[in-house]
Amino acid sequence: MDSDTDSDTSRDPDMGRGIDVHIDRDRCLGAGMCALTAPQVFDQDEDEGLVVLLDARPPQERLAAVRVAAGVCPASAITLTRRGSSPAS
């Protein structure tokens, strides 16, 4: 086994499992930070400017941007869960 691969997995516990992305349009303020940060995963609708989820199961190479987008959302309208689990209520 490659030690670099082992160390990358230890730093990112979701590596290989993936992330499910959930949005709450009722909370969304339409700031657009998500669409600017991860445009392959998030967009805004033309009518209200609210978040539109383009990819609920983004590939590994987009996870860093998705995490940043969730973190900068001023309304906390984006929830990330390990693939297969459900968001906290």
PDB file of N, CA and C in Angstrom:
ATOM      1  N   MET A   1       0.827  -1.200   0.000  1.00  0.00           N
ATOM      2  CA  MET A   1       0.000   0.000   0.000  1.00  0.00           C
ATOM      3  C   MET A   1       0.859   1.247   0.000  1.00  0.00           C
ATOM      4  N   ASP A   2       0.387   2.271  -0.613  1.00  0.00           N
ATOM      5  CA  ASP A   2       1.077   3.541  -0.675  1.00  0.00           C
ATOM      6  C   ASP A   2       0.793   4.327   0.592  1.00  0.00           C
ATOM      7  N   SER A   3       1.840   4.778   1.295  1.00  0.00           N
ATOM      8  CA  SER A   3       1.650   5.490   2.557  1.00  0.00           C
ATOM      9  C   SER A   3       0.965   6.834   2.344  1.00  0.00           C
ATOM     10  N   ASP A   4       1.155   7.457   1.167  1.00  0.00           N
ATOM     11  CA  ASP A   4       0.470   8.715   0.896  1.00  0.00           C
ATOM     12  C   ASP A   4      -1.042   8.511   0.851  1.00  0.00           C
ATOM     13  N   THR A   5      -1.480   7.418   0.268  1.00  0.00           N
ATOM     14  CA  THR A   5      -2.903   7.114   0.206  1.00  0.00           C
ATOM     15  C   THR A   5      -3.456   6.890   1.605  1.00  0.00           C
ATOM     16  N   ASP A   6      -2.709   6.160   2.438  1.00  0.00           N
ATOM     17  CA  ASP A   6      -3.153   5.917   3.805  1.00  0.00           C
ATOM     18  C   ASP A   6      -3.289   7.210   4.575  1.00  0.00           C
ATOM     19  N   SER A   7      -2.334   8.117   4.435  1.00  0.00           N
ATOM     20  CA  SER A   7      -2.393   9.361   5.196  1.00  0.00           C
ATOM     21  C   SER A   7      -3.521  10.255   4.696  1.00  0.00           C
ATOM     22  N   ASP A   8      -3.791  10.250   3.378  1.00  0.00           N
ATOM     23  CA  ASP A   8      -4.900  11.049   2.854  1.00  0.00           C
ATOM     24  C   ASP A   8      -6.222  10.550   3.411  1.00  0.00           C
ATOM     25  N   THR A   9      -6.394   9.241   3.497  1.00  0.00           N
ATOM     26  CA  THR A   9      -7.626   8.671   4.030  1.00  0.00           C
ATOM     27  C   THR A   9      -7.786   9.027   5.500  1.00  0.00           C
ATOM     28  N   SER A  10      -6.700   9.041   6.252  1.00  0.00           N
ATOM     29  CA  SER A  10      -6.813   9.364   7.673  1.00  0.00           C
ATOM     30  C   SER A  10      -7.184  10.827   7.889  1.00  0.00           C
ATOM     31  N   ARG A  11      -6.799  11.706   6.969  1.00  0.00           N
ATOM     32  CA  ARG A  11      -7.164  13.112   7.092  1.00  0.00           C
ATOM     33  C   ARG A  11      -8.589  13.375   6.645  1.00  0.00           C
ATOM     34  N   ASP A  12      -9.113  12.574   5.753  1.00  0.00           N
ATOM     35  CA  ASP A  12     -10.467  12.749   5.240  1.00  0.00           C
ATOM     36  C   ASP A  12     -11.261  11.470   5.484  1.00  0.00           C
ATOM     37  N   PRO A  13     -11.995  11.414   6.617  1.00  0.00           N
ATOM     38  CA  PRO A  13     -12.709  10.182   6.947  1.00  0.00           C
ATOM     39  C   PRO A  13     -13.806   9.816   5.956  1.00  0.00           C
ATOM     40  N   ASP A  14     -14.219  10.746   5.104  1.00  0.00           N
ATOM     41  CA  ASP A  14     -15.276  10.467   4.137  1.00  0.00           C
ATOM     42  C   ASP A  14     -14.740   9.965   2.812  1.00  0.00           C
ATOM     43  N   MET A  15     -13.411   9.947   2.662  1.00  0.00           N
ATOM     44  CA  MET A  15     -12.825   9.511   1.396  1.00  0.00           C
ATOM     45  C   MET A  15     -13.282   8.089   1.077  1.00  0.00           C
ATOM     46  N   GLY A  16     -13.763   7.913  -0.109  1.00  0.00           N
ATOM     47  CA  GLY A  16     -14.210   6.599  -0.535  1.00  0.00           C
ATOM     48  C   GLY A  16     -15.683   6.356  -0.252  1.00  0.00           C
ATOM     49  N   ARG A  17     -16.260   7.085   0.692  1.00  0.00           N
ATOM     50  CA  ARG A  17     -17.676   6.900   1.014  1.00  0.00           C
ATOM     51  C   ARG A  17     -18.525   7.978   0.383  1.00  0.00           C
ATOM     52  N   GLY A  18     -18.030   9.164   0.324  1.00  0.00           N
ATOM     53  CA  GLY A  18     -18.757  10.256  -0.281  1.00  0.00           C
ATOM     54  C   GLY A  18     -19.678  10.983   0.672  1.00  0.00           C
ATOM     55  N   ILE A  19     -20.236  12.032   0.153  1.00  0.00           N
ATOM     56  CA  ILE A  19     -21.090  12.938   0.917  1.00  0.00           C
ATOM     57  C   ILE A  19     -22.419  13.090   0.182  1.00  0.00           C
ATOM     58  N   ASP A  20     -23.504  13.109   0.947  1.00  0.00           N
ATOM     59  CA  ASP A  20     -24.810  13.480   0.407  1.00  0.00           C
ATOM     60  C   ASP A  20     -25.048  14.939   0.772  1.00  0.00           C
ATOM     61  N   VAL A  21     -25.524  15.708  -0.183  1.00  0.00           N
ATOM     62  CA  VAL A  21     -25.797  17.126   0.026  1.00  0.00           C
ATOM     63  C   VAL A  21     -27.303  17.314   0.129  1.00  0.00           C
ATOM     64  N   HIS A  22     -27.722  18.052   1.147  1.00  0.00           N
ATOM     65  CA  HIS A  22     -29.136  18.353   1.356  1.00  0.00           C
ATOM     66  C   HIS A  22     -29.275  19.872   1.446  1.00  0.00           C
ATOM     67  N   ILE A  23     -30.325  20.393   0.862  1.00  0.00           N
ATOM     68  CA  ILE A  23     -30.571  21.835   0.948  1.00  0.00           C
ATOM     69  C   ILE A  23     -31.940  22.089   1.564  1.00  0.00           C
ATOM     70  N   ASP A  24     -32.063  23.240   2.195  1.00  0.00           N
ATOM     71  CA  ASP A  24     -33.330  23.675   2.765  1.00  0.00           C
ATOM     72  C   ASP A  24     -33.686  25.012   2.110  1.00  0.00           C
ATOM     73  N   ARG A  25     -34.480  24.947   1.062  1.00  0.00           N
ATOM     74  CA  ARG A  25     -34.841  26.167   0.334  1.00  0.00           C
ATOM     75  C   ARG A  25     -35.642  27.145   1.188  1.00  0.00           C
ATOM     76  N   ASP A  26     -36.323  26.653   2.230  1.00  0.00           N
ATOM     77  CA  ASP A  26     -37.063  27.553   3.119  1.00  0.00           C
ATOM     78  C   ASP A  26     -36.115  28.440   3.931  1.00  0.00           C
ATOM     79  N   ARG A  27     -34.913  27.957   4.177  1.00  0.00           N
ATOM     80  CA  ARG A  27     -33.916  28.736   4.928  1.00  0.00           C
ATOM     81  C   ARG A  27     -33.080  29.627   4.027  1.00  0.00           C
ATOM     82  N   CYS A  28     -32.973  29.282   2.762  1.00  0.00           N
ATOM     83  CA  CYS A  28     -32.090  29.974   1.824  1.00  0.00           C
ATOM     84  C   CYS A  28     -32.453  31.457   1.715  1.00  0.00           C
ATOM     85  N   LEU A  29     -31.420  32.298   1.738  1.00  0.00           N
ATOM     86  CA  LEU A  29     -31.595  33.746   1.598  1.00  0.00           C
ATOM     87  C   LEU A  29     -31.308  34.231   0.175  1.00  0.00           C
ATOM     88  N   GLY A  30     -30.758  33.347  -0.657  1.00  0.00           N
ATOM     89  CA  GLY A  30     -30.435  33.725  -2.027  1.00  0.00           C
ATOM     90  C   GLY A  30     -29.136  34.497  -2.162  1.00  0.00           C
ATOM     91  N   ALA A  31     -28.225  34.356  -1.207  1.00  0.00           N
ATOM     92  CA  ALA A  31     -26.951  35.078  -1.260  1.00  0.00           C
ATOM     93  C   ALA A  31     -26.067  34.604  -2.405  1.00  0.00           C
ATOM     94  N   GLY A  32     -26.210  33.343  -2.800  1.00  0.00           N
ATOM     95  CA  GLY A  32     -25.474  32.824  -3.947  1.00  0.00           C
ATOM     96  C   GLY A  32     -24.054  32.376  -3.664  1.00  0.00           C
ATOM     97  N   MET A  33     -23.641  32.356  -2.411  1.00  0.00           N
ATOM     98  CA  MET A  33     -22.283  31.928  -2.073  1.00  0.00           C
ATOM     99  C   MET A  33     -22.026  30.485  -2.510  1.00  0.00           C
ATOM    100  N   CYS A  34     -23.027  29.641  -2.387  1.00  0.00           N
ATOM    101  CA  CYS A  34     -22.869  28.236  -2.769  1.00  0.00           C
ATOM    102  C   CYS A  34     -22.623  28.117  -4.269  1.00  0.00           C
ATOM    103  N   ALA A  35     -23.399  28.831  -5.060  1.00  0.00           N
ATOM    104  CA  ALA A  35     -23.261  28.765  -6.515  1.00  0.00           C
ATOM    105  C   ALA A  35     -21.926  29.336  -6.985  1.00  0.00           C
ATOM    106  N   LEU A  36     -21.420  30.319  -6.282  1.00  0.00           N
ATOM    107  CA  LEU A  36     -20.113  30.876  -6.622  1.00  0.00           C
ATOM    108  C   LEU A  36     -18.977  29.943  -6.224  1.00  0.00           C
ATOM    109  N   THR A  37     -19.143  29.254  -5.102  1.00  0.00           N
ATOM    110  CA  THR A  37     -18.092  28.395  -4.562  1.00  0.00           C
ATOM    111  C   THR A  37     -18.042  27.027  -5.231  1.00  0.00           C
ATOM    112  N   ALA A  38     -19.189  26.458  -5.514  1.00  0.00           N
ATOM    113  CA  ALA A  38     -19.261  25.116  -6.114  1.00  0.00           C
ATOM    114  C   ALA A  38     -20.325  25.113  -7.210  1.00  0.00           C
ATOM    115  N   PRO A  39     -20.044  25.767  -8.339  1.00  0.00           N
ATOM    116  CA  PRO A  39     -21.060  25.912  -9.390  1.00  0.00           C
ATOM    117  C   PRO A  39     -21.474  24.612 -10.074  1.00  0.00           C
ATOM    118  N   GLN A  40     -20.689  23.551  -9.928  1.00  0.00           N
ATOM    119  CA  GLN A  40     -21.078  22.272 -10.514  1.00  0.00           C
ATOM    120  C   GLN A  40     -22.098  21.545  -9.635  1.00  0.00           C
ATOM    121  N   VAL A  41     -22.260  22.027  -8.408  1.00  0.00           N
ATOM    122  CA  VAL A  41     -23.146  21.360  -7.453  1.00  0.00           C
ATOM    123  C   VAL A  41     -24.364  22.217  -7.116  1.00  0.00           C
ATOM    124  N   PHE A  42     -24.192  23.532  -7.094  1.00  0.00           N
ATOM    125  CA  PHE A  42     -25.277  24.443  -6.717  1.00  0.00           C
ATOM    126  C   PHE A  42     -25.521  25.481  -7.801  1.00  0.00           C
ATOM    127  N   ASP A  43     -26.773  25.907  -7.907  1.00  0.00           N
ATOM    128  CA  ASP A  43     -27.152  27.009  -8.786  1.00  0.00           C
ATOM    129  C   ASP A  43     -28.228  27.792  -8.045  1.00  0.00           C
ATOM    130  N   GLN A  44     -28.724  28.833  -8.674  1.00  0.00           N
ATOM    131  CA  GLN A  44     -29.834  29.612  -8.118  1.00  0.00           C
ATOM    132  C   GLN A  44     -30.946  29.649  -9.154  1.00  0.00           C
ATOM    133  N   ASP A  45     -32.191  29.556  -8.658  1.00  0.00           N
ATOM    134  CA  ASP A  45     -33.288  29.631  -9.617  1.00  0.00           C
ATOM    135  C   ASP A  45     -33.453  31.073 -10.090  1.00  0.00           C
ATOM    136  N   GLU A  46     -33.999  31.223 -11.273  1.00  0.00           N
ATOM    137  CA  GLU A  46     -34.125  32.541 -11.888  1.00  0.00           C
ATOM    138  C   GLU A  46     -35.230  33.388 -11.260  1.00  0.00           C
ATOM    139  N   ASP A  47     -36.236  32.752 -10.674  1.00  0.00           N
ATOM    140  CA  ASP A  47     -37.372  33.495 -10.128  1.00  0.00           C
ATOM    141  C   ASP A  47     -37.068  34.140  -8.784  1.00  0.00           C
ATOM    142  N   GLU A  48     -36.605  33.347  -7.835  1.00  0.00           N
ATOM    143  CA  GLU A  48     -36.392  33.840  -6.473  1.00  0.00           C
ATOM    144  C   GLU A  48     -34.924  33.941  -6.075  1.00  0.00           C
ATOM    145  N   GLY A  49     -34.056  33.362  -6.894  1.00  0.00           N
ATOM    146  CA  GLY A  49     -32.637  33.367  -6.568  1.00  0.00           C
ATOM    147  C   GLY A  49     -32.254  32.369  -5.493  1.00  0.00           C
ATOM    148  N   LEU A  50     -33.148  31.434  -5.203  1.00  0.00           N
ATOM    149  CA  LEU A  50     -32.881  30.451  -4.154  1.00  0.00           C
ATOM    150  C   LEU A  50     -32.047  29.291  -4.696  1.00  0.00           C
ATOM    151  N   VAL A  51     -31.396  28.613  -3.786  1.00  0.00           N
ATOM    152  CA  VAL A  51     -30.497  27.522  -4.145  1.00  0.00           C
ATOM    153  C   VAL A  51     -31.218  26.415  -4.904  1.00  0.00           C
ATOM    154  N   VAL A  52     -30.521  25.876  -5.899  1.00  0.00           N
ATOM    155  CA  VAL A  52     -30.955  24.708  -6.651  1.00  0.00           C
ATOM    156  C   VAL A  52     -29.813  23.706  -6.554  1.00  0.00           C
ATOM    157  N   LEU A  53     -30.117  22.506  -6.127  1.00  0.00           N
ATOM    158  CA  LEU A  53     -29.116  21.466  -5.994  1.00  0.00           C
ATOM    159  C   LEU A  53     -28.976  20.727  -7.323  1.00  0.00           C
ATOM    160  N   LEU A  54     -27.797  20.803  -7.913  1.00  0.00           N
ATOM    161  CA  LEU A  54     -27.538  20.157  -9.203  1.00  0.00           C
ATOM    162  C   LEU A  54     -27.008  18.743  -9.038  1.00  0.00           C
ATOM    163  N   ASP A  55     -26.324  18.479  -7.925  1.00  0.00           N
ATOM    164  CA  ASP A  55     -25.703  17.172  -7.724  1.00  0.00           C
ATOM    165  C   ASP A  55     -25.717  16.831  -6.237  1.00  0.00           C
ATOM    166  N   ALA A  56     -26.649  15.997  -5.816  1.00  0.00           N
ATOM    167  CA  ALA A  56     -26.782  15.626  -4.403  1.00  0.00           C
ATOM    168  C   ALA A  56     -25.691  14.667  -3.948  1.00  0.00           C
ATOM    169  N   ARG A  57     -24.982  14.067  -4.899  1.00  0.00           N
ATOM    170  CA  ARG A  57     -23.894  13.126  -4.578  1.00  0.00           C
ATOM    171  C   ARG A  57     -22.664  13.489  -5.405  1.00  0.00           C
ATOM    172  N   PRO A  58     -22.040  14.611  -5.072  1.00  0.00           N
ATOM    173  CA  PRO A  58     -20.907  15.066  -5.878  1.00  0.00           C
ATOM    174  C   PRO A  58     -19.720  14.113  -5.785  1.00  0.00           C
ATOM    175  N   PRO A  59     -18.916  14.052  -6.850  1.00  0.00           N
ATOM    176  CA  PRO A  59     -17.736  13.197  -6.829  1.00  0.00           C
ATOM    177  C   PRO A  59     -16.679  13.730  -5.871  1.00  0.00           C
ATOM    178  N   GLN A  60     -15.770  12.876  -5.518  1.00  0.00           N
ATOM    179  CA  GLN A  60     -14.716  13.173  -4.552  1.00  0.00           C
ATOM    180  C   GLN A  60     -13.996  14.493  -4.848  1.00  0.00           C
ATOM    181  N   GLU A  61     -13.705  14.763  -6.104  1.00  0.00           N
ATOM    182  CA  GLU A  61     -12.936  15.962  -6.445  1.00  0.00           C
ATOM    183  C   GLU A  61     -13.697  17.261  -6.198  1.00  0.00           C
ATOM    184  N   ARG A  62     -14.985  17.189  -5.936  1.00  0.00           N
ATOM    185  CA  ARG A  62     -15.767  18.404  -5.658  1.00  0.00           C
ATOM    186  C   ARG A  62     -16.096  18.573  -4.178  1.00  0.00           C
ATOM    187  N   LEU A  63     -15.736  17.615  -3.354  1.00  0.00           N
ATOM    188  CA  LEU A  63     -16.125  17.658  -1.938  1.00  0.00           C
ATOM    189  C   LEU A  63     -15.540  18.840  -1.182  1.00  0.00           C
ATOM    190  N   ALA A  64     -14.316  19.218  -1.463  1.00  0.00           N
ATOM    191  CA  ALA A  64     -13.713  20.351  -0.761  1.00  0.00           C
ATOM    192  C   ALA A  64     -14.514  21.630  -1.025  1.00  0.00           C
ATOM    193  N   ALA A  65     -14.879  21.868  -2.282  1.00  0.00           N
ATOM    194  CA  ALA A  65     -15.665  23.061  -2.621  1.00  0.00           C
ATOM    195  C   ALA A  65     -17.052  23.000  -1.996  1.00  0.00           C
ATOM    196  N   VAL A  66     -17.645  21.820  -1.951  1.00  0.00           N
ATOM    197  CA  VAL A  66     -18.972  21.663  -1.341  1.00  0.00           C
ATOM    198  C   VAL A  66     -18.909  21.975   0.153  1.00  0.00           C
ATOM    199  N   ARG A  67     -17.860  21.499   0.822  1.00  0.00           N
ATOM    200  CA  ARG A  67     -17.704  21.795   2.254  1.00  0.00           C
ATOM    201  C   ARG A  67     -17.551  23.291   2.493  1.00  0.00           C
ATOM    202  N   VAL A  68     -16.773  23.943   1.643  1.00  0.00           N
ATOM    203  CA  VAL A  68     -16.606  25.402   1.768  1.00  0.00           C
ATOM    204  C   VAL A  68     -17.954  26.086   1.549  1.00  0.00           C
ATOM    205  N   ALA A  69     -18.681  25.672   0.523  1.00  0.00           N
ATOM    206  CA  ALA A  69     -19.989  26.275   0.229  1.00  0.00           C
ATOM    207  C   ALA A  69     -20.930  26.137   1.411  1.00  0.00           C
ATOM    208  N   ALA A  70     -20.962  24.968   2.030  1.00  0.00           N
ATOM    209  CA  ALA A  70     -21.818  24.773   3.202  1.00  0.00           C
ATOM    210  C   ALA A  70     -21.378  25.680   4.346  1.00  0.00           C
ATOM    211  N   GLY A  71     -20.084  25.849   4.490  1.00  0.00           N
ATOM    212  CA  GLY A  71     -19.564  26.678   5.574  1.00  0.00           C
ATOM    213  C   GLY A  71     -19.808  28.161   5.404  1.00  0.00           C
ATOM    214  N   VAL A  72     -19.853  28.640   4.159  1.00  0.00           N
ATOM    215  CA  VAL A  72     -20.044  30.073   3.930  1.00  0.00           C
ATOM    216  C   VAL A  72     -21.504  30.460   3.733  1.00  0.00           C
ATOM    217  N   CYS A  73     -22.395  29.499   3.710  1.00  0.00           N
ATOM    218  CA  CYS A  73     -23.818  29.805   3.543  1.00  0.00           C
ATOM    219  C   CYS A  73     -24.317  30.609   4.745  1.00  0.00           C
ATOM    220  N   PRO A  74     -24.766  31.845   4.533  1.00  0.00           N
ATOM    221  CA  PRO A  74     -25.178  32.680   5.666  1.00  0.00           C
ATOM    222  C   PRO A  74     -26.454  32.190   6.355  1.00  0.00           C
ATOM    223  N   ALA A  75     -27.221  31.336   5.687  1.00  0.00           N
ATOM    224  CA  ALA A  75     -28.468  30.831   6.260  1.00  0.00           C
ATOM    225  C   ALA A  75     -28.336  29.400   6.778  1.00  0.00           C
ATOM    226  N   SER A  76     -27.146  28.814   6.624  1.00  0.00           N
ATOM    227  CA  SER A  76     -26.946  27.400   6.987  1.00  0.00           C
ATOM    228  C   SER A  76     -27.995  26.507   6.323  1.00  0.00           C
ATOM    229  N   ALA A  77     -28.233  26.768   5.056  1.00  0.00           N
ATOM    230  CA  ALA A  77     -29.254  26.036   4.311  1.00  0.00           C
ATOM    231  C   ALA A  77     -28.723  24.757   3.667  1.00  0.00           C
ATOM    232  N   ILE A  78     -27.420  24.501   3.806  1.00  0.00           N
ATOM    233  CA  ILE A  78     -26.797  23.324   3.207  1.00  0.00           C
ATOM    234  C   ILE A  78     -26.342  22.390   4.320  1.00  0.00           C
ATOM    235  N   THR A  79     -26.763  21.143   4.233  1.00  0.00           N
ATOM    236  CA  THR A  79     -26.362  20.125   5.205  1.00  0.00           C
ATOM    237  C   THR A  79     -25.631  19.021   4.463  1.00  0.00           C
ATOM    238  N   LEU A  80     -24.519  18.573   5.036  1.00  0.00           N
ATOM    239  CA  LEU A  80     -23.741  17.497   4.454  1.00  0.00           C
ATOM    240  C   LEU A  80     -23.791  16.299   5.387  1.00  0.00           C
ATOM    241  N   THR A  81     -24.012  15.126   4.825  1.00  0.00           N
ATOM    242  CA  THR A  81     -23.998  13.902   5.607  1.00  0.00           C
ATOM    243  C   THR A  81     -23.155  12.868   4.889  1.00  0.00           C
ATOM    244  N   ARG A  82     -22.627  11.938   5.644  1.00  0.00           N
ATOM    245  CA  ARG A  82     -21.938  10.821   5.020  1.00  0.00           C
ATOM    246  C   ARG A  82     -22.948  10.068   4.175  1.00  0.00           C
ATOM    247  N   ARG A  83     -22.506   9.611   3.050  1.00  0.00           N
ATOM    248  CA  ARG A  83     -23.400   8.930   2.113  1.00  0.00           C
ATOM    249  C   ARG A  83     -24.168   7.815   2.814  1.00  0.00           C
ATOM    250  N   GLY A  84     -25.485   7.869   2.648  1.00  0.00           N
ATOM    251  CA  GLY A  84     -26.336   6.840   3.200  1.00  0.00           C
ATOM    252  C   GLY A  84     -26.987   7.199   4.524  1.00  0.00           C
ATOM    253  N   SER A  85     -26.465   8.218   5.223  1.00  0.00           N
ATOM    254  CA  SER A  85     -27.115   8.626   6.475  1.00  0.00           C
ATOM    255  C   SER A  85     -28.040   9.802   6.164  1.00  0.00           C
ATOM    256  N   SER A  86     -28.933  10.109   7.091  1.00  0.00           N
ATOM    257  CA  SER A  86     -29.868  11.206   6.832  1.00  0.00           C
ATOM    258  C   SER A  86     -29.481  12.412   7.680  1.00  0.00           C
ATOM    259  N   PRO A  87     -29.839  13.614   7.205  1.00  0.00           N
ATOM    260  CA  PRO A  87     -29.488  14.822   7.947  1.00  0.00           C
ATOM    261  C   PRO A  87     -30.212  14.876   9.293  1.00  0.00           C
ATOM    262  N   ALA A  88     -29.574  15.553  10.236  1.00  0.00           N
ATOM    263  CA  ALA A  88     -30.215  15.713  11.557  1.00  0.00           C
ATOM    264  C   ALA A  88     -31.436  16.592  11.413  1.00  0.00           C
ATOM    265  N   SER A  89     -32.453  16.281  12.153  1.00  0.00           N
ATOM    266  CA  SER A  89     -33.693  17.082  12.067  1.00  0.00           C
ATOM    267  C   SER A  89     -33.622  18.257  12.997  1.00  0.00           C
TER     268      SER A  89
END
